[in-house]
Amino acid sequence: MLENLVMPSPYDDRTTTLIEKTRAIVPPLKSLGRDIPFATGLIDERFFEWFAATFFDISYRDAHAIYAKHDANSAEITIFSDDTPD
């Protein structure tokens, strides 16, 4: 893999092979009349839902709920400069 030229993969060979095989079968997203291929670092709930449904037999509805909960829990709290502390 190209990124190994810059930095060794953090995964073992078996995991890296599974990731490569998965990338090869991920269908592109359909968005605004375009196909958007899966790319490392692209975070989109539709890819997560597809992955969960394909490999873990989780319904798209449940996968969406898992993604939404994770997304909400990982959001940072924004404090504006004009906020006064309690």
C-alpha atoms as a PDB file:
ATOM      1  CA  MET A   1       0.000   0.000   0.000  1.00  0.00           C
ATOM      2  CA  LEU A   2       1.191   3.469  -0.839  1.00  0.00           C
ATOM      3  CA  GLU A   3       0.923   4.839   2.702  1.00  0.00           C
ATOM      4  CA  ASN A   4       3.447   2.218   3.855  1.00  0.00           C
ATOM      5  CA  LEU A   5       6.126   4.125   1.941  1.00  0.00           C
ATOM      6  CA  VAL A   6       5.693   7.010   4.350  1.00  0.00           C
ATOM      7  CA  MET A   7       4.650   5.246   7.526  1.00  0.00           C
ATOM      8  CA  PRO A   8       4.300   1.541   8.342  1.00  0.00           C
ATOM      9  CA  SER A   9       0.752   0.276   8.625  1.00  0.00           C
ATOM     10  CA  PRO A  10      -0.541   0.224  12.222  1.00  0.00           C
ATOM     11  CA  TYR A  11      -2.291  -3.068  11.389  1.00  0.00           C
ATOM     12  CA  ASP A  12      -0.949  -6.575  11.077  1.00  0.00           C
ATOM     13  CA  ASP A  13      -0.771  -8.186   7.624  1.00  0.00           C
ATOM     14  CA  ARG A  14      -4.064 -10.055   8.014  1.00  0.00           C
ATOM     15  CA  THR A  15      -5.988  -6.903   8.960  1.00  0.00           C
ATOM     16  CA  THR A  16      -4.372  -4.915   6.146  1.00  0.00           C
ATOM     17  CA  THR A  17      -5.384  -7.625   3.658  1.00  0.00           C
ATOM     18  CA  LEU A  18      -8.989  -7.565   4.926  1.00  0.00           C
ATOM     19  CA  ILE A  19      -9.101  -3.769   4.628  1.00  0.00           C
ATOM     20  CA  GLU A  20      -7.819  -3.937   1.044  1.00  0.00           C
ATOM     21  CA  LYS A  21     -10.407  -6.586   0.108  1.00  0.00           C
ATOM     22  CA  THR A  22     -13.190  -4.546   1.686  1.00  0.00           C
ATOM     23  CA  ARG A  23     -12.146  -1.395  -0.178  1.00  0.00           C
ATOM     24  CA  ALA A  24     -12.369  -3.341  -3.431  1.00  0.00           C
ATOM     25  CA  ILE A  25     -16.063  -4.205  -2.966  1.00  0.00           C
ATOM     26  CA  VAL A  26     -17.452  -1.052  -1.334  1.00  0.00           C
ATOM     27  CA  PRO A  27     -20.056   0.413  -3.697  1.00  0.00           C
ATOM     28  CA  PRO A  28     -19.700   4.116  -4.503  1.00  0.00           C
ATOM     29  CA  LEU A  29     -22.045   6.604  -2.908  1.00  0.00           C
ATOM     30  CA  LYS A  30     -24.639   8.185  -5.147  1.00  0.00           C
ATOM     31  CA  SER A  31     -24.689  11.901  -4.420  1.00  0.00           C
ATOM     32  CA  LEU A  32     -25.979  14.731  -6.606  1.00  0.00           C
ATOM     33  CA  GLY A  33     -25.754  12.568  -9.714  1.00  0.00           C
ATOM     34  CA  ARG A  34     -22.139  11.562  -9.068  1.00  0.00           C
ATOM     35  CA  ASP A  35     -20.475   8.384  -7.875  1.00  0.00           C
ATOM     36  CA  ILE A  36     -18.242   9.029  -4.877  1.00  0.00           C
ATOM     37  CA  PRO A  37     -15.797   6.165  -4.341  1.00  0.00           C
ATOM     38  CA  PHE A  38     -14.817   5.096  -0.858  1.00  0.00           C
ATOM     39  CA  ALA A  39     -11.562   6.714   0.279  1.00  0.00           C
ATOM     40  CA  THR A  40      -9.556   6.283   3.440  1.00  0.00           C
ATOM     41  CA  GLY A  41     -10.467   9.029   5.859  1.00  0.00           C
ATOM     42  CA  LEU A  42     -13.851   9.683   4.279  1.00  0.00           C
ATOM     43  CA  ILE A  43     -16.391   9.616   7.064  1.00  0.00           C
ATOM     44  CA  ASP A  44     -19.905   9.037   5.836  1.00  0.00           C
ATOM     45  CA  GLU A  45     -22.699   7.254   7.630  1.00  0.00           C
ATOM     46  CA  ARG A  46     -23.732   5.469   4.427  1.00  0.00           C
ATOM     47  CA  PHE A  47     -20.373   3.668   4.234  1.00  0.00           C
ATOM     48  CA  PHE A  48     -20.673   2.715   7.904  1.00  0.00           C
ATOM     49  CA  GLU A  49     -24.218   1.425   7.381  1.00  0.00           C
ATOM     50  CA  TRP A  50     -23.136  -0.631   4.363  1.00  0.00           C
ATOM     51  CA  PHE A  51     -20.175  -2.099   6.264  1.00  0.00           C
ATOM     52  CA  ALA A  52     -22.271  -2.991   9.327  1.00  0.00           C
ATOM     53  CA  ALA A  53     -25.009  -4.571   7.211  1.00  0.00           C
ATOM     54  CA  THR A  54     -22.604  -6.464   4.952  1.00  0.00           C
ATOM     55  CA  PHE A  55     -20.178  -7.865   7.509  1.00  0.00           C
ATOM     56  CA  PHE A  56     -22.126  -7.933  10.783  1.00  0.00           C
ATOM     57  CA  ASP A  57     -25.712  -8.527   9.633  1.00  0.00           C
ATOM     58  CA  ILE A  58     -26.887  -5.341  11.358  1.00  0.00           C
ATOM     59  CA  SER A  59     -29.922  -3.632   9.867  1.00  0.00           C
ATOM     60  CA  TYR A  60     -29.387  -0.290   8.173  1.00  0.00           C
ATOM     61  CA  ARG A  61     -31.712   1.256  10.767  1.00  0.00           C
ATOM     62  CA  ASP A  62     -29.615  -0.043  13.685  1.00  0.00           C
ATOM     63  CA  ALA A  63     -26.354   0.879  11.957  1.00  0.00           C
ATOM     64  CA  HIS A  64     -27.680   4.402  11.446  1.00  0.00           C
ATOM     65  CA  ALA A  65     -28.587   4.621  15.151  1.00  0.00           C
ATOM     66  CA  ILE A  66     -25.102   3.415  16.171  1.00  0.00           C
ATOM     67  CA  TYR A  67     -23.447   5.952  13.875  1.00  0.00           C
ATOM     68  CA  ALA A  68     -25.674   8.805  15.086  1.00  0.00           C
ATOM     69  CA  LYS A  69     -25.048   7.970  18.753  1.00  0.00           C
ATOM     70  CA  HIS A  70     -21.294   7.800  18.215  1.00  0.00           C
ATOM     71  CA  ASP A  71     -21.357  11.051  16.253  1.00  0.00           C
ATOM     72  CA  ALA A  72     -23.339  12.839  18.977  1.00  0.00           C
ATOM     73  CA  ASN A  73     -21.105  11.511  21.756  1.00  0.00           C
ATOM     74  CA  SER A  74     -17.909  12.520  19.992  1.00  0.00           C
ATOM     75  CA  ALA A  75     -18.964  16.109  19.315  1.00  0.00           C
ATOM     76  CA  GLU A  76     -16.986  18.751  21.134  1.00  0.00           C
ATOM     77  CA  ILE A  77     -18.747  21.300  23.276  1.00  0.00           C
ATOM     78  CA  THR A  78     -18.296  24.766  21.809  1.00  0.00           C
ATOM     79  CA  ILE A  79     -17.700  27.625  24.215  1.00  0.00           C
ATOM     80  CA  PHE A  80     -18.040  31.064  22.705  1.00  0.00           C
ATOM     81  CA  SER A  81     -15.965  34.006  23.876  1.00  0.00           C
ATOM     82  CA  ASP A  82     -19.057  35.957  24.959  1.00  0.00           C
ATOM     83  CA  ASP A  83     -20.355  33.106  27.146  1.00  0.00           C
ATOM     84  CA  THR A  84     -20.167  33.813  30.860  1.00  0.00           C
ATOM     85  CA  PRO A  85     -19.138  31.020  33.193  1.00  0.00           C
ATOM     86  CA  ASP A  86     -21.767  29.869  35.685  1.00  0.00           C
END
